[in-house]
Amino acid sequence: MALGYWERHRFDDPAVAADRDELLKSADQEPDPYAAFLRLLRSGRRDAVCTALEYFHYEDRQARWGFGNPLDEYASEVLDRAR
């Protein structure tokens, strides 16, 4: 999974960087992306929220393969943060 700009962005908060790294883990590393996604989305930090929004968009694009977006239950919160 790639997060474009946010994959290389240097966060000044190690906890935020750890959450971003959790989103980037491959499936064989047993990531817990949803907790990390929510922490980033709700952090109030622009760079962290943008990372979460990009991850939501990534998951939404993957839905075209017929699996659906596992983050759809947070769609209204994502939309609020995007605004």
PDB file of N, CA and C in Angstrom:
ATOM      1  N   MET A   1       0.845  -1.166   0.000  1.00  0.00           N
ATOM      2  CA  MET A   1       0.000   0.000   0.000  1.00  0.00           C
ATOM      3  C   MET A   1       0.887   1.224   0.000  1.00  0.00           C
ATOM      4  N   ALA A   2       0.528   2.206  -0.760  1.00  0.00           N
ATOM      5  CA  ALA A   2       1.322   3.432  -0.831  1.00  0.00           C
ATOM      6  C   ALA A   2       0.448   4.626  -0.472  1.00  0.00           C
ATOM      7  N   LEU A   3       1.037   5.573   0.204  1.00  0.00           N
ATOM      8  CA  LEU A   3       0.319   6.781   0.588  1.00  0.00           C
ATOM      9  C   LEU A   3       0.898   8.019  -0.094  1.00  0.00           C
ATOM     10  N   GLY A   4       1.536   7.831  -1.212  1.00  0.00           N
ATOM     11  CA  GLY A   4       2.060   8.961  -1.963  1.00  0.00           C
ATOM     12  C   GLY A   4       2.932   9.872  -1.120  1.00  0.00           C
ATOM     13  N   TYR A   5       2.580  11.136  -1.075  1.00  0.00           N
ATOM     14  CA  TYR A   5       3.355  12.139  -0.343  1.00  0.00           C
ATOM     15  C   TYR A   5       3.511  11.774   1.130  1.00  0.00           C
ATOM     16  N   TRP A   6       2.460  11.290   1.748  1.00  0.00           N
ATOM     17  CA  TRP A   6       2.454  11.055   3.195  1.00  0.00           C
ATOM     18  C   TRP A   6       3.332   9.892   3.597  1.00  0.00           C
ATOM     19  N   GLU A   7       3.684   9.041   2.635  1.00  0.00           N
ATOM     20  CA  GLU A   7       4.584   7.930   2.930  1.00  0.00           C
ATOM     21  C   GLU A   7       5.986   8.445   3.263  1.00  0.00           C
ATOM     22  N   ARG A   8       6.369   9.567   2.663  1.00  0.00           N
ATOM     23  CA  ARG A   8       7.701  10.140   2.871  1.00  0.00           C
ATOM     24  C   ARG A   8       7.699  11.325   3.831  1.00  0.00           C
ATOM     25  N   HIS A   9       6.530  11.787   4.218  1.00  0.00           N
ATOM     26  CA  HIS A   9       6.419  12.964   5.078  1.00  0.00           C
ATOM     27  C   HIS A   9       7.039  12.685   6.443  1.00  0.00           C
ATOM     28  N   ARG A  10       7.787  13.642   6.957  1.00  0.00           N
ATOM     29  CA  ARG A  10       8.422  13.497   8.269  1.00  0.00           C
ATOM     30  C   ARG A  10       7.532  14.157   9.320  1.00  0.00           C
ATOM     31  N   PHE A  11       6.866  13.339  10.110  1.00  0.00           N
ATOM     32  CA  PHE A  11       6.028  13.839  11.190  1.00  0.00           C
ATOM     33  C   PHE A  11       6.913  14.200  12.382  1.00  0.00           C
ATOM     34  N   ASP A  12       6.583  15.288  13.058  1.00  0.00           N
ATOM     35  CA  ASP A  12       7.360  15.671  14.237  1.00  0.00           C
ATOM     36  C   ASP A  12       6.913  14.923  15.490  1.00  0.00           C
ATOM     37  N   ASP A  13       5.788  14.229  15.417  1.00  0.00           N
ATOM     38  CA  ASP A  13       5.275  13.449  16.544  1.00  0.00           C
ATOM     39  C   ASP A  13       5.493  11.959  16.253  1.00  0.00           C
ATOM     40  N   PRO A  14       6.303  11.278  17.044  1.00  0.00           N
ATOM     41  CA  PRO A  14       6.580   9.861  16.795  1.00  0.00           C
ATOM     42  C   PRO A  14       5.323   8.981  16.811  1.00  0.00           C
ATOM     43  N   ALA A  15       4.327   9.335  17.617  1.00  0.00           N
ATOM     44  CA  ALA A  15       3.096   8.538  17.675  1.00  0.00           C
ATOM     45  C   ALA A  15       2.341   8.619  16.346  1.00  0.00           C
ATOM     46  N   VAL A  16       2.310   9.802  15.755  1.00  0.00           N
ATOM     47  CA  VAL A  16       1.645   9.976  14.463  1.00  0.00           C
ATOM     48  C   VAL A  16       2.406   9.198  13.390  1.00  0.00           C
ATOM     49  N   ALA A  17       3.727   9.265  13.421  1.00  0.00           N
ATOM     50  CA  ALA A  17       4.538   8.512  12.461  1.00  0.00           C
ATOM     51  C   ALA A  17       4.300   7.010  12.619  1.00  0.00           C
ATOM     52  N   ALA A  18       4.161   6.543  13.843  1.00  0.00           N
ATOM     53  CA  ALA A  18       3.909   5.120  14.088  1.00  0.00           C
ATOM     54  C   ALA A  18       2.555   4.701  13.525  1.00  0.00           C
ATOM     55  N   ASP A  19       1.541   5.562  13.664  1.00  0.00           N
ATOM     56  CA  ASP A  19       0.228   5.252  13.103  1.00  0.00           C
ATOM     57  C   ASP A  19       0.297   5.192  11.580  1.00  0.00           C
ATOM     58  N   ARG A  20       1.009   6.133  10.977  1.00  0.00           N
ATOM     59  CA  ARG A  20       1.171   6.109   9.519  1.00  0.00           C
ATOM     60  C   ARG A  20       1.871   4.818   9.098  1.00  0.00           C
ATOM     61  N   ASP A  21       2.909   4.438   9.828  1.00  0.00           N
ATOM     62  CA  ASP A  21       3.642   3.219   9.496  1.00  0.00           C
ATOM     63  C   ASP A  21       2.759   1.985   9.631  1.00  0.00           C
ATOM     64  N   GLU A  22       1.833   2.015  10.581  1.00  0.00           N
ATOM     65  CA  GLU A  22       0.889   0.902  10.758  1.00  0.00           C
ATOM     66  C   GLU A  22       0.019   0.753   9.510  1.00  0.00           C
ATOM     67  N   LEU A  23      -0.382   1.867   8.917  1.00  0.00           N
ATOM     68  CA  LEU A  23      -1.179   1.806   7.690  1.00  0.00           C
ATOM     69  C   LEU A  23      -0.383   1.221   6.532  1.00  0.00           C
ATOM     70  N   LEU A  24       0.927   1.423   6.535  1.00  0.00           N
ATOM     71  CA  LEU A  24       1.776   0.987   5.425  1.00  0.00           C
ATOM     72  C   LEU A  24       2.235  -0.465   5.529  1.00  0.00           C
ATOM     73  N   LYS A  25       2.038  -1.110   6.671  1.00  0.00           N
ATOM     74  CA  LYS A  25       2.492  -2.493   6.829  1.00  0.00           C
ATOM     75  C   LYS A  25       1.827  -3.402   5.806  1.00  0.00           C
ATOM     76  N   SER A  26       2.566  -4.389   5.378  1.00  0.00           N
ATOM     77  CA  SER A  26       1.985  -5.370   4.465  1.00  0.00           C
ATOM     78  C   SER A  26       1.122  -6.343   5.259  1.00  0.00           C
ATOM     79  N   ALA A  27       0.263  -7.060   4.567  1.00  0.00           N
ATOM     80  CA  ALA A  27      -0.686  -7.965   5.219  1.00  0.00           C
ATOM     81  C   ALA A  27       0.025  -9.061   6.011  1.00  0.00           C
ATOM     82  N   ASP A  28       1.213  -9.468   5.592  1.00  0.00           N
ATOM     83  CA  ASP A  28       1.905 -10.534   6.301  1.00  0.00           C
ATOM     84  C   ASP A  28       2.528 -10.063   7.613  1.00  0.00           C
ATOM     85  N   GLN A  29       2.481  -8.757   7.885  1.00  0.00           N
ATOM     86  CA  GLN A  29       2.985  -8.235   9.153  1.00  0.00           C
ATOM     87  C   GLN A  29       1.862  -8.026  10.162  1.00  0.00           C
ATOM     88  N   GLU A  30       0.658  -8.483   9.826  1.00  0.00           N
ATOM     89  CA  GLU A  30      -0.512  -8.390  10.686  1.00  0.00           C
ATOM     90  C   GLU A  30      -0.761  -6.969  11.202  1.00  0.00           C
ATOM     91  N   PRO A  31      -1.024  -6.047  10.291  1.00  0.00           N
ATOM     92  CA  PRO A  31      -1.268  -4.668  10.733  1.00  0.00           C
ATOM     93  C   PRO A  31      -2.640  -4.522  11.396  1.00  0.00           C
ATOM     94  N   ASP A  32      -2.778  -3.481  12.179  1.00  0.00           N
ATOM     95  CA  ASP A  32      -4.075  -3.093  12.737  1.00  0.00           C
ATOM     96  C   ASP A  32      -4.370  -1.703  12.185  1.00  0.00           C
ATOM     97  N   PRO A  33      -4.704  -1.616  10.890  1.00  0.00           N
ATOM     98  CA  PRO A  33      -4.808  -0.305  10.268  1.00  0.00           C
ATOM     99  C   PRO A  33      -5.996   0.520  10.732  1.00  0.00           C
ATOM    100  N   TYR A  34      -7.062  -0.104  11.195  1.00  0.00           N
ATOM    101  CA  TYR A  34      -8.261   0.667  11.503  1.00  0.00           C
ATOM    102  C   TYR A  34      -8.104   1.510  12.748  1.00  0.00           C
ATOM    103  N   ALA A  35      -7.434   0.996  13.760  1.00  0.00           N
ATOM    104  CA  ALA A  35      -7.171   1.799  14.959  1.00  0.00           C
ATOM    105  C   ALA A  35      -6.251   2.962  14.604  1.00  0.00           C
ATOM    106  N   ALA A  36      -5.213   2.676  13.819  1.00  0.00           N
ATOM    107  CA  ALA A  36      -4.287   3.733  13.394  1.00  0.00           C
ATOM    108  C   ALA A  36      -5.008   4.763  12.530  1.00  0.00           C
ATOM    109  N   PHE A  37      -5.867   4.291  11.631  1.00  0.00           N
ATOM    110  CA  PHE A  37      -6.652   5.188  10.774  1.00  0.00           C
ATOM    111  C   PHE A  37      -7.479   6.149  11.619  1.00  0.00           C
ATOM    112  N   LEU A  38      -8.172   5.630  12.610  1.00  0.00           N
ATOM    113  CA  LEU A  38      -9.028   6.471  13.447  1.00  0.00           C
ATOM    114  C   LEU A  38      -8.224   7.461  14.279  1.00  0.00           C
ATOM    115  N   ARG A  39      -7.084   7.021  14.801  1.00  0.00           N
ATOM    116  CA  ARG A  39      -6.243   7.957  15.564  1.00  0.00           C
ATOM    117  C   ARG A  39      -5.758   9.097  14.677  1.00  0.00           C
ATOM    118  N   LEU A  40      -5.355   8.781  13.451  1.00  0.00           N
ATOM    119  CA  LEU A  40      -4.907   9.823  12.521  1.00  0.00           C
ATOM    120  C   LEU A  40      -6.063  10.743  12.154  1.00  0.00           C
ATOM    121  N   LEU A  41      -7.210  10.158  11.834  1.00  0.00           N
ATOM    122  CA  LEU A  41      -8.373  10.940  11.421  1.00  0.00           C
ATOM    123  C   LEU A  41      -8.829  11.893  12.518  1.00  0.00           C
ATOM    124  N   ARG A  42      -8.772  11.450  13.746  1.00  0.00           N
ATOM    125  CA  ARG A  42      -9.292  12.233  14.876  1.00  0.00           C
ATOM    126  C   ARG A  42      -8.222  13.065  15.583  1.00  0.00           C
ATOM    127  N   SER A  43      -7.022  13.086  15.063  1.00  0.00           N
ATOM    128  CA  SER A  43      -5.903  13.744  15.739  1.00  0.00           C
ATOM    129  C   SER A  43      -6.005  15.267  15.756  1.00  0.00           C
ATOM    130  N   GLY A  44      -6.682  15.840  14.771  1.00  0.00           N
ATOM    131  CA  GLY A  44      -6.747  17.287  14.674  1.00  0.00           C
ATOM    132  C   GLY A  44      -5.528  17.900  13.993  1.00  0.00           C
ATOM    133  N   ARG A  45      -4.567  17.084  13.634  1.00  0.00           N
ATOM    134  CA  ARG A  45      -3.363  17.547  12.926  1.00  0.00           C
ATOM    135  C   ARG A  45      -3.613  17.439  11.428  1.00  0.00           C
ATOM    136  N   ARG A  46      -3.373  18.506  10.717  1.00  0.00           N
ATOM    137  CA  ARG A  46      -3.661  18.509   9.285  1.00  0.00           C
ATOM    138  C   ARG A  46      -2.930  17.394   8.550  1.00  0.00           C
ATOM    139  N   ASP A  47      -1.639  17.217   8.822  1.00  0.00           N
ATOM    140  CA  ASP A  47      -0.884  16.197   8.093  1.00  0.00           C
ATOM    141  C   ASP A  47      -1.371  14.789   8.427  1.00  0.00           C
ATOM    142  N   ALA A  48      -1.726  14.555   9.677  1.00  0.00           N
ATOM    143  CA  ALA A  48      -2.227  13.239  10.075  1.00  0.00           C
ATOM    144  C   ALA A  48      -3.605  12.973   9.475  1.00  0.00           C
ATOM    145  N   VAL A  49      -4.474  13.976   9.500  1.00  0.00           N
ATOM    146  CA  VAL A  49      -5.812  13.828   8.925  1.00  0.00           C
ATOM    147  C   VAL A  49      -5.709  13.577   7.418  1.00  0.00           C
ATOM    148  N   CYS A  50      -4.822  14.289   6.738  1.00  0.00           N
ATOM    149  CA  CYS A  50      -4.636  14.078   5.297  1.00  0.00           C
ATOM    150  C   CYS A  50      -4.151  12.665   5.004  1.00  0.00           C
ATOM    151  N   THR A  51      -3.314  12.130   5.863  1.00  0.00           N
ATOM    152  CA  THR A  51      -2.852  10.748   5.708  1.00  0.00           C
ATOM    153  C   THR A  51      -4.035   9.796   5.832  1.00  0.00           C
ATOM    154  N   ALA A  52      -4.879  10.013   6.818  1.00  0.00           N
ATOM    155  CA  ALA A  52      -6.071   9.169   6.999  1.00  0.00           C
ATOM    156  C   ALA A  52      -7.014   9.296   5.812  1.00  0.00           C
ATOM    157  N   LEU A  53      -7.190  10.507   5.302  1.00  0.00           N
ATOM    158  CA  LEU A  53      -8.069  10.695   4.151  1.00  0.00           C
ATOM    159  C   LEU A  53      -7.533   9.961   2.926  1.00  0.00           C
ATOM    160  N   GLU A  54      -6.225  10.006   2.738  1.00  0.00           N
ATOM    161  CA  GLU A  54      -5.643   9.294   1.602  1.00  0.00           C
ATOM    162  C   GLU A  54      -5.809   7.785   1.770  1.00  0.00           C
ATOM    163  N   TYR A  55      -5.673   7.297   3.008  1.00  0.00           N
ATOM    164  CA  TYR A  55      -5.867   5.867   3.254  1.00  0.00           C
ATOM    165  C   TYR A  55      -7.321   5.475   2.978  1.00  0.00           C
ATOM    166  N   PHE A  56      -8.262   6.295   3.391  1.00  0.00           N
ATOM    167  CA  PHE A  56      -9.676   6.018   3.112  1.00  0.00           C
ATOM    168  C   PHE A  56      -9.899   5.951   1.605  1.00  0.00           C
ATOM    169  N   HIS A  57      -9.322   6.895   0.888  1.00  0.00           N
ATOM    170  CA  HIS A  57      -9.460   6.919  -0.572  1.00  0.00           C
ATOM    171  C   HIS A  57      -8.837   5.662  -1.192  1.00  0.00           C
ATOM    172  N   TYR A  58      -7.692   5.240  -0.675  1.00  0.00           N
ATOM    173  CA  TYR A  58      -7.054   4.005  -1.148  1.00  0.00           C
ATOM    174  C   TYR A  58      -7.996   2.812  -0.956  1.00  0.00           C
ATOM    175  N   GLU A  59      -8.551   2.677   0.243  1.00  0.00           N
ATOM    176  CA  GLU A  59      -9.466   1.561   0.519  1.00  0.00           C
ATOM    177  C   GLU A  59     -10.700   1.637  -0.369  1.00  0.00           C
ATOM    178  N   ASP A  60     -11.165   2.851  -0.642  1.00  0.00           N
ATOM    179  CA  ASP A  60     -12.323   3.032  -1.509  1.00  0.00           C
ATOM    180  C   ASP A  60     -12.007   2.593  -2.938  1.00  0.00           C
ATOM    181  N   ARG A  61     -10.806   2.894  -3.401  1.00  0.00           N
ATOM    182  CA  ARG A  61     -10.404   2.461  -4.749  1.00  0.00           C
ATOM    183  C   ARG A  61     -10.308   0.941  -4.826  1.00  0.00           C
ATOM    184  N   GLN A  62      -9.895   0.302  -3.743  1.00  0.00           N
ATOM    185  CA  GLN A  62      -9.784  -1.154  -3.743  1.00  0.00           C
ATOM    186  C   GLN A  62     -11.154  -1.824  -3.800  1.00  0.00           C
ATOM    187  N   ALA A  63     -12.203  -1.105  -3.469  1.00  0.00           N
ATOM    188  CA  ALA A  63     -13.560  -1.650  -3.485  1.00  0.00           C
ATOM    189  C   ALA A  63     -13.977  -2.083  -4.887  1.00  0.00           C
ATOM    190  N   ARG A  64     -13.316  -1.548  -5.882  1.00  0.00           N
ATOM    191  CA  ARG A  64     -13.682  -1.910  -7.258  1.00  0.00           C
ATOM    192  C   ARG A  64     -13.445  -3.393  -7.527  1.00  0.00           C
ATOM    193  N   TRP A  65     -12.678  -4.061  -6.687  1.00  0.00           N
ATOM    194  CA  TRP A  65     -12.418  -5.489  -6.852  1.00  0.00           C
ATOM    195  C   TRP A  65     -13.526  -6.327  -6.220  1.00  0.00           C
ATOM    196  N   GLY A  66     -14.550  -5.670  -5.704  1.00  0.00           N
ATOM    197  CA  GLY A  66     -15.723  -6.378  -5.206  1.00  0.00           C
ATOM    198  C   GLY A  66     -15.743  -6.662  -3.720  1.00  0.00           C
ATOM    199  N   PHE A  67     -14.797  -6.119  -2.978  1.00  0.00           N
ATOM    200  CA  PHE A  67     -14.746  -6.400  -1.547  1.00  0.00           C
ATOM    201  C   PHE A  67     -15.415  -5.324  -0.710  1.00  0.00           C
ATOM    202  N   GLY A  68     -15.675  -4.172  -1.274  1.00  0.00           N
ATOM    203  CA  GLY A  68     -16.231  -3.068  -0.510  1.00  0.00           C
ATOM    204  C   GLY A  68     -15.156  -2.372   0.302  1.00  0.00           C
ATOM    205  N   ASN A  69     -15.464  -1.185   0.775  1.00  0.00           N
ATOM    206  CA  ASN A  69     -14.529  -0.424   1.594  1.00  0.00           C
ATOM    207  C   ASN A  69     -14.779  -0.776   3.051  1.00  0.00           C
ATOM    208  N   PRO A  70     -13.814  -1.383   3.734  1.00  0.00           N
ATOM    209  CA  PRO A  70     -14.022  -1.756   5.130  1.00  0.00           C
ATOM    210  C   PRO A  70     -14.159  -0.550   6.058  1.00  0.00           C
ATOM    211  N   LEU A  71     -13.858   0.639   5.548  1.00  0.00           N
ATOM    212  CA  LEU A  71     -13.950   1.851   6.359  1.00  0.00           C
ATOM    213  C   LEU A  71     -15.236   2.634   6.087  1.00  0.00           C
ATOM    214  N   ASP A  72     -16.160   2.059   5.325  1.00  0.00           N
ATOM    215  CA  ASP A  72     -17.390   2.770   4.977  1.00  0.00           C
ATOM    216  C   ASP A  72     -18.176   3.255   6.191  1.00  0.00           C
ATOM    217  N   GLU A  73     -18.085   2.554   7.297  1.00  0.00           N
ATOM    218  CA  GLU A  73     -18.836   2.971   8.482  1.00  0.00           C
ATOM    219  C   GLU A  73     -18.364   4.330   9.007  1.00  0.00           C
ATOM    220  N   TYR A  74     -17.160   4.751   8.595  1.00  0.00           N
ATOM    221  CA  TYR A  74     -16.610   6.042   9.012  1.00  0.00           C
ATOM    222  C   TYR A  74     -16.739   7.104   7.929  1.00  0.00           C
ATOM    223  N   ALA A  75     -17.484   6.817   6.870  1.00  0.00           N
ATOM    224  CA  ALA A  75     -17.570   7.724   5.718  1.00  0.00           C
ATOM    225  C   ALA A  75     -18.063   9.115   6.091  1.00  0.00           C
ATOM    226  N   SER A  76     -19.050   9.221   6.974  1.00  0.00           N
ATOM    227  CA  SER A  76     -19.554  10.552   7.337  1.00  0.00           C
ATOM    228  C   SER A  76     -18.509  11.347   8.134  1.00  0.00           C
ATOM    229  N   GLU A  77     -17.769  10.663   8.998  1.00  0.00           N
ATOM    230  CA  GLU A  77     -16.699  11.336   9.746  1.00  0.00           C
ATOM    231  C   GLU A  77     -15.567  11.762   8.806  1.00  0.00           C
ATOM    232  N   VAL A  78     -15.245  10.919   7.844  1.00  0.00           N
ATOM    233  CA  VAL A  78     -14.229  11.261   6.844  1.00  0.00           C
ATOM    234  C   VAL A  78     -14.664  12.495   6.067  1.00  0.00           C
ATOM    235  N   LEU A  79     -15.917  12.527   5.659  1.00  0.00           N
ATOM    236  CA  LEU A  79     -16.426  13.673   4.920  1.00  0.00           C
ATOM    237  C   LEU A  79     -16.370  14.953   5.769  1.00  0.00           C
ATOM    238  N   ASP A  80     -16.719  14.851   7.031  1.00  0.00           N
ATOM    239  CA  ASP A  80     -16.632  16.011   7.932  1.00  0.00           C
ATOM    240  C   ASP A  80     -15.196  16.531   8.040  1.00  0.00           C
ATOM    241  N   ARG A  81     -14.250  15.609   8.194  1.00  0.00           N
ATOM    242  CA  ARG A  81     -12.850  16.015   8.305  1.00  0.00           C
ATOM    243  C   ARG A  81     -12.342  16.624   7.001  1.00  0.00           C
ATOM    244  N   ALA A  82     -12.790  16.080   5.883  1.00  0.00           N
ATOM    245  CA  ALA A  82     -12.362  16.599   4.581  1.00  0.00           C
ATOM    246  C   ALA A  82     -12.854  18.021   4.365  1.00  0.00           C
ATOM    247  N   ARG A  83     -14.022  18.301   4.886  1.00  0.00           N
ATOM    248  CA  ARG A  83     -14.569  19.671   4.744  1.00  0.00           C
ATOM    249  C   ARG A  83     -13.795  20.631   5.595  1.00  0.00           C
TER     250      ARG A  83
END
